């Protein structure tokens, strides 16, 4: 009897862990593609970079020429979107969204003036 009880508890534990993992997954953007889904202030499917946990997420993104990129500050810490050394966004507070359209093809280095460890690369084709 004890063996079957352990098996049932084990299965219940696995189920609980799976449910919690599913509840924590997903999020507001697709990290693999950098495309927004259900992000306030950002059109669904738009190129999207989140500022959260003192990181840009994703840290690498490729877009087509003429395509806008949306940056959102998802934490209470202030950030900037500094592109190739120029602060393009000004100081962004919590939940602010900044839209930027690259001027042409190339590779753009993105940093935050307040948090130099935050780095991302945007490639425009």
N, C-alpha and C. Protein backbone atom coordinates (compact mmCIF):
# COMPACT_ATOMS: atom_id res chain seq x y z
N UNK A 1 0.82 -1.19 0.00
CA UNK A 1 0.00 0.00 0.00
C UNK A 1 0.87 1.26 0.00
N UNK A 2 1.94 1.25 0.74
CA UNK A 2 2.80 2.42 0.78
C UNK A 2 3.42 2.71 -0.59
N UNK A 3 3.74 1.68 -1.34
CA UNK A 3 4.33 1.87 -2.66
C UNK A 3 3.36 2.61 -3.57
N UNK A 4 2.10 2.21 -3.61
CA UNK A 4 1.15 2.88 -4.49
C UNK A 4 0.88 4.31 -4.01
N UNK A 5 0.92 4.54 -2.72
CA UNK A 5 0.74 5.89 -2.20
C UNK A 5 1.88 6.79 -2.67
N UNK A 6 3.10 6.29 -2.63
CA UNK A 6 4.25 7.07 -3.10
C UNK A 6 4.14 7.37 -4.59
N UNK A 7 3.68 6.43 -5.35
CA UNK A 7 3.53 6.63 -6.79
C UNK A 7 2.49 7.72 -7.05
N UNK A 8 1.38 7.67 -6.32
CA UNK A 8 0.36 8.70 -6.50
C UNK A 8 0.88 10.07 -6.09
N UNK A 9 1.58 10.14 -4.99
CA UNK A 9 2.14 11.43 -4.58
C UNK A 9 3.18 11.91 -5.59
N UNK A 10 3.97 10.99 -6.11
CA UNK A 10 4.97 11.36 -7.11
C UNK A 10 4.32 11.91 -8.36
N UNK A 11 3.26 11.26 -8.82
CA UNK A 11 2.55 11.72 -10.01
C UNK A 11 1.90 13.08 -9.75
N UNK A 12 1.35 13.26 -8.54
CA UNK A 12 0.76 14.55 -8.19
C UNK A 12 1.79 15.65 -8.16
N UNK A 13 2.96 15.34 -7.67
CA UNK A 13 4.04 16.32 -7.63
C UNK A 13 4.46 16.70 -9.05
N UNK A 14 4.60 15.70 -9.91
CA UNK A 14 4.96 15.97 -11.31
C UNK A 14 3.90 16.84 -11.96
N UNK A 15 2.63 16.55 -11.74
CA UNK A 15 1.54 17.34 -12.29
C UNK A 15 1.59 18.77 -11.78
N UNK A 16 1.81 18.96 -10.50
CA UNK A 16 1.88 20.31 -9.92
C UNK A 16 3.03 21.09 -10.52
N UNK A 17 4.18 20.46 -10.67
CA UNK A 17 5.34 21.14 -11.26
C UNK A 17 5.05 21.51 -12.70
N UNK A 18 4.43 20.61 -13.45
CA UNK A 18 4.09 20.90 -14.85
C UNK A 18 3.11 22.06 -14.95
N UNK A 19 2.11 22.10 -14.08
CA UNK A 19 1.16 23.21 -14.10
C UNK A 19 1.82 24.53 -13.75
N UNK A 20 2.70 24.53 -12.76
CA UNK A 20 3.41 25.75 -12.41
C UNK A 20 4.32 26.21 -13.54
N UNK A 21 5.00 25.29 -14.18
CA UNK A 21 5.88 25.66 -15.29
C UNK A 21 5.07 26.26 -16.42
N UNK A 22 3.92 25.71 -16.70
CA UNK A 22 3.07 26.26 -17.74
C UNK A 22 2.55 27.63 -17.39
N UNK A 23 2.24 27.85 -16.13
CA UNK A 23 1.74 29.16 -15.70
C UNK A 23 2.81 30.22 -15.77
N UNK A 24 4.06 29.83 -15.57
CA UNK A 24 5.15 30.80 -15.60
C UNK A 24 5.71 31.01 -16.99
N UNK A 25 5.39 30.16 -17.91
CA UNK A 25 5.94 30.26 -19.27
C UNK A 25 5.17 31.26 -20.09
N UNK A 26 5.58 31.40 -21.34
CA UNK A 26 4.85 32.28 -22.25
C UNK A 26 5.35 33.69 -22.17
N UNK A 27 4.71 34.51 -21.41
CA UNK A 27 5.13 35.89 -21.27
C UNK A 27 4.51 36.75 -22.35
N UNK A 28 5.00 37.98 -22.44
CA UNK A 28 4.43 38.96 -23.34
C UNK A 28 5.09 38.99 -24.70
N UNK A 29 6.17 38.27 -24.89
CA UNK A 29 6.80 38.27 -26.18
C UNK A 29 7.40 36.91 -26.46
N UNK A 30 7.68 36.67 -27.71
CA UNK A 30 8.31 35.43 -28.10
C UNK A 30 9.81 35.68 -28.12
N UNK A 31 10.50 35.17 -27.07
CA UNK A 31 11.92 35.46 -26.92
C UNK A 31 12.74 34.97 -28.11
N UNK A 32 12.32 33.90 -28.76
CA UNK A 32 13.09 33.36 -29.88
C UNK A 32 13.02 34.29 -31.09
N UNK A 33 11.89 34.93 -31.31
CA UNK A 33 11.73 35.75 -32.51
C UNK A 33 11.76 37.25 -32.22
N UNK A 34 11.56 37.66 -30.96
CA UNK A 34 11.50 39.08 -30.65
C UNK A 34 10.26 39.74 -31.22
N UNK A 35 9.16 39.01 -31.26
CA UNK A 35 7.89 39.54 -31.77
C UNK A 35 6.89 39.64 -30.63
N UNK A 36 6.22 40.77 -30.54
CA UNK A 36 5.29 41.04 -29.45
C UNK A 36 3.98 40.28 -29.63
N UNK A 37 3.45 39.81 -28.51
CA UNK A 37 2.09 39.28 -28.46
C UNK A 37 1.47 39.78 -27.16
N UNK A 38 0.43 40.56 -27.29
CA UNK A 38 -0.32 41.08 -26.13
C UNK A 38 0.53 41.94 -25.20
N UNK A 39 1.31 42.85 -25.77
CA UNK A 39 2.11 43.78 -24.99
C UNK A 39 1.45 45.16 -25.10
N UNK A 40 1.07 45.75 -23.98
CA UNK A 40 0.42 47.06 -23.98
C UNK A 40 1.30 48.08 -24.69
N UNK A 41 0.72 48.78 -25.66
CA UNK A 41 1.43 49.82 -26.38
C UNK A 41 2.28 49.34 -27.55
N UNK A 42 2.24 48.02 -27.83
CA UNK A 42 3.04 47.45 -28.91
C UNK A 42 2.12 46.62 -29.80
N UNK A 43 2.11 46.89 -31.10
CA UNK A 43 1.26 46.09 -32.00
C UNK A 43 1.67 44.61 -31.99
N UNK A 44 0.70 43.71 -32.00
CA UNK A 44 1.01 42.29 -32.07
C UNK A 44 1.83 42.01 -33.32
N UNK A 45 2.87 41.21 -33.16
CA UNK A 45 3.74 40.84 -34.26
C UNK A 45 4.87 41.82 -34.53
N UNK A 46 4.86 42.97 -33.85
CA UNK A 46 5.91 43.97 -34.06
C UNK A 46 7.23 43.50 -33.46
N UNK A 47 8.33 43.97 -34.03
CA UNK A 47 9.66 43.70 -33.46
C UNK A 47 9.68 44.34 -32.07
N UNK A 48 10.12 43.55 -31.08
CA UNK A 48 9.96 43.97 -29.69
C UNK A 48 11.15 43.53 -28.86
N UNK A 49 11.67 44.48 -28.07
CA UNK A 49 12.76 44.20 -27.13
C UNK A 49 12.29 44.67 -25.76
N UNK A 50 12.34 43.77 -24.79
CA UNK A 50 11.92 44.06 -23.43
C UNK A 50 13.13 44.43 -22.58
N UNK A 51 12.97 45.41 -21.72
CA UNK A 51 14.00 45.77 -20.75
C UNK A 51 13.50 45.25 -19.40
N UNK A 52 14.11 44.17 -18.94
CA UNK A 52 13.67 43.57 -17.69
C UNK A 52 14.83 42.78 -17.09
N UNK A 53 14.94 42.79 -15.78
CA UNK A 53 16.01 42.06 -15.11
C UNK A 53 17.38 42.61 -15.47
N UNK A 54 17.45 43.90 -15.76
CA UNK A 54 18.69 44.57 -16.18
C UNK A 54 19.29 43.91 -17.42
N UNK A 55 18.39 43.51 -18.35
CA UNK A 55 18.80 42.92 -19.62
C UNK A 55 17.87 43.38 -20.72
N UNK A 56 18.38 43.36 -21.94
CA UNK A 56 17.53 43.48 -23.12
C UNK A 56 17.16 42.06 -23.53
N UNK A 57 15.88 41.84 -23.78
CA UNK A 57 15.43 40.51 -24.16
C UNK A 57 14.51 40.62 -25.37
N UNK A 58 14.90 40.07 -26.52
CA UNK A 58 16.10 39.28 -26.77
C UNK A 58 17.32 40.18 -26.88
N UNK A 59 18.49 39.59 -26.75
CA UNK A 59 19.74 40.35 -26.85
C UNK A 59 20.22 40.46 -28.29
N UNK A 60 19.56 39.77 -29.19
CA UNK A 60 19.90 39.82 -30.61
C UNK A 60 18.60 39.73 -31.40
N UNK A 61 18.43 40.64 -32.36
CA UNK A 61 17.19 40.69 -33.13
C UNK A 61 17.51 41.12 -34.55
N UNK A 62 16.86 40.51 -35.52
CA UNK A 62 17.00 40.87 -36.93
C UNK A 62 15.66 41.34 -37.45
N UNK A 63 15.67 42.50 -38.13
CA UNK A 63 14.44 43.06 -38.70
C UNK A 63 14.70 43.45 -40.15
N UNK A 64 13.62 43.72 -40.86
CA UNK A 64 13.70 44.18 -42.24
C UNK A 64 13.88 45.69 -42.26
N UNK A 65 14.47 46.20 -43.33
CA UNK A 65 14.62 47.64 -43.49
C UNK A 65 13.26 48.34 -43.45
N UNK A 66 13.19 49.46 -42.77
CA UNK A 66 11.96 50.23 -42.65
C UNK A 66 11.03 49.76 -41.55
N UNK A 67 11.39 48.69 -40.87
CA UNK A 67 10.54 48.14 -39.81
C UNK A 67 10.85 48.81 -38.47
N UNK A 68 9.81 49.23 -37.76
CA UNK A 68 9.99 49.82 -36.44
C UNK A 68 10.28 48.74 -35.40
N UNK A 69 11.05 49.14 -34.38
CA UNK A 69 11.35 48.26 -33.26
C UNK A 69 10.82 48.95 -32.01
N UNK A 70 10.10 48.18 -31.19
CA UNK A 70 9.53 48.71 -29.96
C UNK A 70 10.34 48.21 -28.77
N UNK A 71 10.64 49.13 -27.85
CA UNK A 71 11.36 48.81 -26.62
C UNK A 71 10.44 49.16 -25.47
N UNK A 72 10.32 48.24 -24.50
CA UNK A 72 9.48 48.49 -23.33
C UNK A 72 10.29 48.30 -22.06
N UNK A 73 10.17 49.24 -21.14
CA UNK A 73 10.77 49.11 -19.81
C UNK A 73 9.77 48.40 -18.91
N UNK A 74 10.04 47.13 -18.62
CA UNK A 74 9.12 46.32 -17.83
C UNK A 74 9.48 46.26 -16.35
N UNK A 75 10.36 47.15 -15.91
CA UNK A 75 10.69 47.16 -14.48
C UNK A 75 10.69 48.58 -13.95
N UNK A 76 10.80 48.72 -12.63
CA UNK A 76 10.72 50.04 -12.01
C UNK A 76 12.00 50.85 -12.17
N UNK A 77 13.10 50.20 -12.48
CA UNK A 77 14.38 50.88 -12.72
C UNK A 77 14.29 51.66 -14.02
N UNK A 78 14.85 52.87 -14.07
CA UNK A 78 14.86 53.63 -15.32
C UNK A 78 15.91 53.06 -16.26
N UNK A 79 15.63 53.20 -17.56
CA UNK A 79 16.54 52.73 -18.60
C UNK A 79 16.59 53.74 -19.74
N UNK A 80 17.54 53.53 -20.64
CA UNK A 80 17.58 54.24 -21.91
C UNK A 80 17.72 53.22 -23.02
N UNK A 81 17.39 53.63 -24.21
CA UNK A 81 17.71 52.87 -25.41
C UNK A 81 18.76 53.71 -26.12
N UNK A 82 20.00 53.34 -25.94
CA UNK A 82 21.12 54.06 -26.52
C UNK A 82 21.63 53.22 -27.69
N UNK A 83 21.56 53.80 -28.88
CA UNK A 83 21.88 53.05 -30.10
C UNK A 83 23.13 53.66 -30.73
N UNK A 84 24.15 52.81 -30.86
CA UNK A 84 25.45 53.24 -31.40
C UNK A 84 25.94 54.51 -30.71
N UNK A 85 25.78 54.54 -29.38
CA UNK A 85 26.30 55.64 -28.57
C UNK A 85 25.39 56.85 -28.42
N UNK A 86 24.23 56.86 -29.05
CA UNK A 86 23.31 58.00 -28.95
C UNK A 86 22.04 57.58 -28.20
N UNK A 87 21.73 58.32 -27.13
CA UNK A 87 20.52 58.06 -26.36
C UNK A 87 19.32 58.47 -27.23
N UNK A 88 18.63 57.49 -27.76
CA UNK A 88 17.50 57.75 -28.65
C UNK A 88 16.18 57.90 -27.90
N UNK A 89 16.07 57.27 -26.74
CA UNK A 89 14.78 57.21 -26.04
C UNK A 89 14.59 58.24 -24.94
N UNK A 90 15.69 58.84 -24.47
CA UNK A 90 15.59 59.60 -23.23
C UNK A 90 15.45 58.61 -22.08
N UNK A 91 15.17 59.11 -20.90
CA UNK A 91 15.02 58.23 -19.73
C UNK A 91 13.64 57.60 -19.75
N UNK A 92 13.63 56.27 -19.75
CA UNK A 92 12.37 55.52 -19.77
C UNK A 92 12.03 55.03 -18.37
N UNK A 93 10.83 55.38 -17.92
CA UNK A 93 10.34 54.91 -16.63
C UNK A 93 9.56 53.61 -16.83
N UNK A 94 9.12 53.03 -15.74
CA UNK A 94 8.38 51.76 -15.77
C UNK A 94 7.21 51.82 -16.76
N UNK A 95 7.08 50.77 -17.55
CA UNK A 95 5.99 50.57 -18.50
C UNK A 95 5.99 51.50 -19.71
N UNK A 96 7.01 52.34 -19.84
CA UNK A 96 7.08 53.19 -21.02
C UNK A 96 7.56 52.39 -22.23
N UNK A 97 7.02 52.75 -23.39
CA UNK A 97 7.37 52.11 -24.65
C UNK A 97 8.00 53.15 -25.56
N UNK A 98 9.08 52.77 -26.22
CA UNK A 98 9.78 53.63 -27.17
C UNK A 98 9.81 52.92 -28.52
N UNK A 99 9.42 53.63 -29.57
CA UNK A 99 9.44 53.09 -30.92
C UNK A 99 10.57 53.75 -31.70
N UNK A 100 11.36 52.93 -32.39
CA UNK A 100 12.49 53.44 -33.18
C UNK A 100 12.54 52.73 -34.52
N UNK A 101 12.73 53.49 -35.57
CA UNK A 101 12.88 52.93 -36.91
C UNK A 101 14.31 53.15 -37.35
N UNK A 102 15.06 52.08 -37.58
CA UNK A 102 16.45 52.22 -38.01
C UNK A 102 16.54 52.97 -39.34
N UNK A 103 17.56 53.81 -39.50
CA UNK A 103 17.69 54.60 -40.72
C UNK A 103 18.10 53.81 -41.95
N UNK A 104 18.60 52.59 -41.76
CA UNK A 104 19.01 51.80 -42.91
C UNK A 104 19.59 50.47 -42.47
N UNK A 105 20.01 49.65 -43.44
CA UNK A 105 20.58 48.35 -43.13
C UNK A 105 21.87 48.48 -42.34
N UNK A 106 22.19 47.44 -41.58
CA UNK A 106 23.43 47.41 -40.81
C UNK A 106 23.23 46.77 -39.46
N UNK A 107 24.27 46.88 -38.65
CA UNK A 107 24.24 46.33 -37.30
C UNK A 107 24.26 47.48 -36.31
N UNK A 108 23.35 47.46 -35.37
CA UNK A 108 23.22 48.52 -34.38
C UNK A 108 23.47 47.94 -32.99
N UNK A 109 24.33 48.59 -32.24
CA UNK A 109 24.63 48.19 -30.86
C UNK A 109 23.73 48.98 -29.92
N UNK A 110 23.03 48.27 -29.06
CA UNK A 110 22.07 48.88 -28.14
C UNK A 110 22.58 48.70 -26.72
N UNK A 111 22.57 49.78 -25.96
CA UNK A 111 22.98 49.75 -24.56
C UNK A 111 22.03 50.63 -23.74
N UNK A 112 22.25 50.63 -22.43
CA UNK A 112 21.53 51.50 -21.51
C UNK A 112 22.56 52.37 -20.81
N UNK A 113 22.35 53.67 -20.82
CA UNK A 113 23.31 54.57 -20.18
C UNK A 113 23.44 54.33 -18.68
N UNK A 114 22.37 53.90 -18.05
CA UNK A 114 22.39 53.69 -16.60
C UNK A 114 22.97 52.32 -16.22
N UNK A 115 22.89 51.37 -17.14
CA UNK A 115 23.30 49.99 -16.84
C UNK A 115 24.15 49.47 -18.00
N UNK A 116 25.45 49.75 -17.99
CA UNK A 116 26.30 49.38 -19.13
C UNK A 116 26.37 47.88 -19.41
N UNK A 117 25.97 47.05 -18.44
CA UNK A 117 25.97 45.60 -18.68
C UNK A 117 24.84 45.18 -19.62
N UNK A 118 23.86 46.06 -19.81
CA UNK A 118 22.76 45.77 -20.72
C UNK A 118 23.22 46.01 -22.14
N UNK A 119 23.22 44.95 -22.95
CA UNK A 119 23.68 45.06 -24.33
C UNK A 119 22.80 44.22 -25.24
N UNK A 120 22.57 44.73 -26.43
CA UNK A 120 21.85 43.98 -27.45
C UNK A 120 22.37 44.40 -28.80
N UNK A 121 22.09 43.55 -29.79
CA UNK A 121 22.47 43.84 -31.17
C UNK A 121 21.23 43.75 -32.05
N UNK A 122 21.02 44.77 -32.84
CA UNK A 122 19.92 44.80 -33.80
C UNK A 122 20.54 44.76 -35.19
N UNK A 123 20.13 43.78 -35.99
CA UNK A 123 20.60 43.68 -37.36
C UNK A 123 19.44 44.03 -38.29
N UNK A 124 19.69 44.98 -39.18
CA UNK A 124 18.68 45.41 -40.14
C UNK A 124 19.12 44.94 -41.52
N UNK A 125 18.24 44.19 -42.17
CA UNK A 125 18.57 43.64 -43.49
C UNK A 125 18.04 44.52 -44.59
